[in-house]
Amino acid sequence: MEAAAGAEIATEELHRIGEIAKQVGLSLRTVRYYEEMGLLSPLKRTEGGFRLYGPEHLDQLKLIKQMKPLGLSIEEMRALLGARAELASGTSAGKRAEARDRLERFAELAGQRCAELRRQLRSAESFARRIRDEATGGD
């Protein structure tokens, strides 16, 4: 999940942890947690030890943020990110096919989780209507 070896990123495209956390709408603590869990690795560090991230890290964090409401575990997130990285890399056709298969399974899982979230939302909306009806017509 690191930048491709040898890929050069202009210094102005690198961002400190606070900048990317703010851009994605996450706390510093959350970004650090994702780093500790192996979902994200800084591209490099400054001489002072500040983490520096590139544009691909911003995309990864946005994707991770989208995974959260679906209830994916850290392991599932790591596997999904790994499959995406493998698909994008110059690995063999066989490895890319395996990565596509893994991504397809994640797409199916995400679809199932979305269906469950829609069911929960319908139930919550029904509850809200019921309470609103009781509040406005109840005397």
C-alpha atoms as a PDB file:
ATOM      1  CA  MET A   1       0.000   0.000   0.000  1.00  0.00           C
ATOM      2  CA  GLU A   2       3.027   2.212  -0.281  1.00  0.00           C
ATOM      3  CA  ALA A   3       3.807   4.336  -3.277  1.00  0.00           C
ATOM      4  CA  ALA A   4       5.358   2.439  -6.141  1.00  0.00           C
ATOM      5  CA  ALA A   5       9.098   1.976  -5.759  1.00  0.00           C
ATOM      6  CA  GLY A   6      10.982   4.688  -7.539  1.00  0.00           C
ATOM      7  CA  ALA A   7       7.906   6.864  -7.984  1.00  0.00           C
ATOM      8  CA  GLU A   8       8.820  10.434  -7.282  1.00  0.00           C
ATOM      9  CA  ILE A   9       6.258  12.765  -5.785  1.00  0.00           C
ATOM     10  CA  ALA A  10       6.841  16.479  -5.729  1.00  0.00           C
ATOM     11  CA  THR A  11       7.324  17.869  -2.233  1.00  0.00           C
ATOM     12  CA  GLU A  12       4.334  20.181  -2.671  1.00  0.00           C
ATOM     13  CA  GLU A  13       2.139  17.095  -3.179  1.00  0.00           C
ATOM     14  CA  LEU A  14       3.161  15.680   0.202  1.00  0.00           C
ATOM     15  CA  HIS A  15       1.014  16.438   3.207  1.00  0.00           C
ATOM     16  CA  ARG A  16       1.432  16.085   6.932  1.00  0.00           C
ATOM     17  CA  ILE A  17      -0.916  13.869   8.864  1.00  0.00           C
ATOM     18  CA  GLY A  18      -3.021  16.780  10.099  1.00  0.00           C
ATOM     19  CA  GLU A  19      -3.610  18.029   6.572  1.00  0.00           C
ATOM     20  CA  ILE A  20      -4.827  14.724   5.214  1.00  0.00           C
ATOM     21  CA  ALA A  21      -6.903  14.039   8.329  1.00  0.00           C
ATOM     22  CA  LYS A  22      -8.650  17.368   7.856  1.00  0.00           C
ATOM     23  CA  GLN A  23      -9.173  16.855   4.113  1.00  0.00           C
ATOM     24  CA  VAL A  24     -10.817  13.482   4.689  1.00  0.00           C
ATOM     25  CA  GLY A  25     -12.712  14.506   7.824  1.00  0.00           C
ATOM     26  CA  LEU A  26     -10.976  12.163  10.250  1.00  0.00           C
ATOM     27  CA  SER A  27      -9.201  12.793  13.519  1.00  0.00           C
ATOM     28  CA  LEU A  28      -5.415  12.554  13.833  1.00  0.00           C
ATOM     29  CA  ARG A  29      -5.943   9.701  16.239  1.00  0.00           C
ATOM     30  CA  THR A  30      -7.977   7.780  13.652  1.00  0.00           C
ATOM     31  CA  VAL A  31      -5.360   8.252  10.929  1.00  0.00           C
ATOM     32  CA  ARG A  32      -2.649   7.103  13.341  1.00  0.00           C
ATOM     33  CA  TYR A  33      -4.758   4.083  14.265  1.00  0.00           C
ATOM     34  CA  TYR A  34      -5.140   3.129  10.600  1.00  0.00           C
ATOM     35  CA  GLU A  35      -1.385   3.449  10.246  1.00  0.00           C
ATOM     36  CA  GLU A  36      -0.805   1.226  13.299  1.00  0.00           C
ATOM     37  CA  MET A  37      -3.207  -1.353  11.846  1.00  0.00           C
ATOM     38  CA  GLY A  38      -1.320  -1.468   8.556  1.00  0.00           C
ATOM     39  CA  LEU A  39      -3.962   0.210   6.418  1.00  0.00           C
ATOM     40  CA  LEU A  40      -1.804   3.212   5.649  1.00  0.00           C
ATOM     41  CA  SER A  41       1.918   3.921   5.624  1.00  0.00           C
ATOM     42  CA  PRO A  42       3.451   7.360   5.325  1.00  0.00           C
ATOM     43  CA  LEU A  43       5.472   7.823   2.170  1.00  0.00           C
ATOM     44  CA  LYS A  44       8.301   9.215   4.237  1.00  0.00           C
ATOM     45  CA  ARG A  45       9.078  11.320   7.285  1.00  0.00           C
ATOM     46  CA  THR A  46      10.684  14.688   7.633  1.00  0.00           C
ATOM     47  CA  GLU A  47      13.973  15.079   9.484  1.00  0.00           C
ATOM     48  CA  GLY A  48      11.833  16.144  12.437  1.00  0.00           C
ATOM     49  CA  GLY A  49       9.863  12.893  12.255  1.00  0.00           C
ATOM     50  CA  PHE A  50       6.631  14.275  10.777  1.00  0.00           C
ATOM     51  CA  ARG A  51       4.726  11.787   8.661  1.00  0.00           C
ATOM     52  CA  LEU A  52       4.343  12.765   5.002  1.00  0.00           C
ATOM     53  CA  TYR A  53       1.621  11.359   2.788  1.00  0.00           C
ATOM     54  CA  GLY A  54       1.027  11.589  -0.957  1.00  0.00           C
ATOM     55  CA  PRO A  55      -2.167  11.869  -3.009  1.00  0.00           C
ATOM     56  CA  GLU A  56      -2.614   8.079  -3.056  1.00  0.00           C
ATOM     57  CA  HIS A  57      -2.844   8.105   0.751  1.00  0.00           C
ATOM     58  CA  LEU A  58      -5.642  10.651   0.591  1.00  0.00           C
ATOM     59  CA  ASP A  59      -7.505   8.322  -1.777  1.00  0.00           C
ATOM     60  CA  GLN A  60      -6.875   5.360   0.549  1.00  0.00           C
ATOM     61  CA  LEU A  61      -8.246   7.250   3.542  1.00  0.00           C
ATOM     62  CA  LYS A  62     -11.341   8.279   1.597  1.00  0.00           C
ATOM     63  CA  LEU A  63     -11.894   4.649   0.650  1.00  0.00           C
ATOM     64  CA  ILE A  64     -11.373   3.481   4.248  1.00  0.00           C
ATOM     65  CA  LYS A  65     -13.878   6.083   5.404  1.00  0.00           C
ATOM     66  CA  GLN A  66     -16.400   4.683   2.911  1.00  0.00           C
ATOM     67  CA  MET A  67     -15.808   1.158   4.222  1.00  0.00           C
ATOM     68  CA  LYS A  68     -16.548   2.066   7.841  1.00  0.00           C
ATOM     69  CA  PRO A  69     -20.369   2.303   7.590  1.00  0.00           C
ATOM     70  CA  LEU A  70     -20.392  -1.144   5.993  1.00  0.00           C
ATOM     71  CA  GLY A  71     -18.875  -2.628   9.130  1.00  0.00           C
ATOM     72  CA  LEU A  72     -15.791  -4.092   7.476  1.00  0.00           C
ATOM     73  CA  SER A  73     -13.213  -5.274   9.971  1.00  0.00           C
ATOM     74  CA  ILE A  74      -9.644  -3.987   9.915  1.00  0.00           C
ATOM     75  CA  GLU A  75      -8.577  -7.326   8.444  1.00  0.00           C
ATOM     76  CA  GLU A  76     -11.174  -7.042   5.679  1.00  0.00           C
ATOM     77  CA  MET A  77     -10.125  -3.473   4.965  1.00  0.00           C
ATOM     78  CA  ARG A  78      -6.472  -4.527   4.819  1.00  0.00           C
ATOM     79  CA  ALA A  79      -7.329  -7.387   2.438  1.00  0.00           C
ATOM     80  CA  LEU A  80      -9.400  -5.119   0.194  1.00  0.00           C
ATOM     81  CA  LEU A  81      -6.670  -2.483   0.032  1.00  0.00           C
ATOM     82  CA  GLY A  82      -4.109  -5.196  -0.631  1.00  0.00           C
ATOM     83  CA  ALA A  83      -6.166  -6.605  -3.506  1.00  0.00           C
ATOM     84  CA  ARG A  84      -6.509  -3.133  -5.028  1.00  0.00           C
ATOM     85  CA  ALA A  85      -2.767  -2.554  -4.728  1.00  0.00           C
ATOM     86  CA  GLU A  86      -2.012  -5.937  -6.252  1.00  0.00           C
ATOM     87  CA  LEU A  87      -4.388  -5.280  -9.130  1.00  0.00           C
ATOM     88  CA  ALA A  88      -2.714  -1.933  -9.808  1.00  0.00           C
ATOM     89  CA  SER A  89       0.813  -3.309  -9.576  1.00  0.00           C
ATOM     90  CA  GLY A  90       2.815  -4.953 -12.300  1.00  0.00           C
ATOM     91  CA  THR A  91       2.344  -8.460 -10.920  1.00  0.00           C
ATOM     92  CA  SER A  92       1.558 -11.478 -13.062  1.00  0.00           C
ATOM     93  CA  ALA A  93      -1.752 -11.925 -14.853  1.00  0.00           C
ATOM     94  CA  GLY A  94      -2.576 -14.766 -12.457  1.00  0.00           C
ATOM     95  CA  LYS A  95      -2.066 -12.601  -9.378  1.00  0.00           C
ATOM     96  CA  ARG A  96      -4.152  -9.803 -10.920  1.00  0.00           C
ATOM     97  CA  ALA A  97      -6.944 -12.302 -11.656  1.00  0.00           C
ATOM     98  CA  GLU A  98      -6.868 -13.456  -8.013  1.00  0.00           C
ATOM     99  CA  ALA A  99      -7.009  -9.818  -6.890  1.00  0.00           C
ATOM    100  CA  ARG A 100     -10.020  -9.207  -9.167  1.00  0.00           C
ATOM    101  CA  ASP A 101     -11.752 -12.239  -7.659  1.00  0.00           C
ATOM    102  CA  ARG A 102     -11.116 -10.925  -4.135  1.00  0.00           C
ATOM    103  CA  LEU A 103     -12.434  -7.503  -5.100  1.00  0.00           C
ATOM    104  CA  GLU A 104     -15.535  -9.091  -6.624  1.00  0.00           C
ATOM    105  CA  ARG A 105     -16.193 -10.901  -3.323  1.00  0.00           C
ATOM    106  CA  PHE A 106     -15.799  -7.596  -1.475  1.00  0.00           C
ATOM    107  CA  ALA A 107     -18.192  -5.930  -3.916  1.00  0.00           C
ATOM    108  CA  GLU A 108     -20.747  -8.661  -3.199  1.00  0.00           C
ATOM    109  CA  LEU A 109     -20.240  -8.257   0.554  1.00  0.00           C
ATOM    110  CA  ALA A 110     -20.591  -4.473   0.269  1.00  0.00           C
ATOM    111  CA  GLY A 111     -23.837  -4.925  -1.664  1.00  0.00           C
ATOM    112  CA  GLN A 112     -25.199  -7.199   1.074  1.00  0.00           C
ATOM    113  CA  ARG A 113     -24.199  -4.738   3.782  1.00  0.00           C
ATOM    114  CA  CYS A 114     -25.820  -1.861   1.840  1.00  0.00           C
ATOM    115  CA  ALA A 115     -29.069  -3.851   1.624  1.00  0.00           C
ATOM    116  CA  GLU A 116     -28.979  -4.374   5.392  1.00  0.00           C
ATOM    117  CA  LEU A 117     -28.307  -0.675   5.996  1.00  0.00           C
ATOM    118  CA  ARG A 118     -31.279   0.226   3.753  1.00  0.00           C
ATOM    119  CA  ARG A 119     -33.465  -2.140   5.794  1.00  0.00           C
ATOM    120  CA  GLN A 120     -32.287  -0.514   9.023  1.00  0.00           C
ATOM    121  CA  LEU A 121     -32.893   2.946   7.573  1.00  0.00           C
ATOM    122  CA  ARG A 122     -36.468   2.037   6.555  1.00  0.00           C
ATOM    123  CA  SER A 123     -37.100   0.809  10.093  1.00  0.00           C
ATOM    124  CA  ALA A 124     -35.642   3.991  11.597  1.00  0.00           C
ATOM    125  CA  GLU A 125     -37.695   6.183   9.237  1.00  0.00           C
ATOM    126  CA  SER A 126     -40.841   4.256  10.165  1.00  0.00           C
ATOM    127  CA  PHE A 127     -40.080   4.868  13.835  1.00  0.00           C
ATOM    128  CA  ALA A 128     -39.472   8.592  13.213  1.00  0.00           C
ATOM    129  CA  ARG A 129     -42.823   8.895  11.345  1.00  0.00           C
ATOM    130  CA  ARG A 130     -44.643   7.080  14.134  1.00  0.00           C
ATOM    131  CA  ILE A 131     -43.222   9.356  16.827  1.00  0.00           C
ATOM    132  CA  ARG A 132     -43.857  12.467  14.699  1.00  0.00           C
ATOM    133  CA  ASP A 133     -47.476  11.344  14.145  1.00  0.00           C
ATOM    134  CA  GLU A 134     -47.933  10.782  17.862  1.00  0.00           C
ATOM    135  CA  ALA A 135     -46.395  14.188  18.656  1.00  0.00           C
ATOM    136  CA  THR A 136     -48.537  16.106  16.170  1.00  0.00           C
ATOM    137  CA  GLY A 137     -51.885  14.321  16.464  1.00  0.00           C
ATOM    138  CA  GLY A 138     -51.857  12.742  19.836  1.00  0.00           C
ATOM    139  CA  ASP A 139     -54.187  14.885  22.000  1.00  0.00           C
END
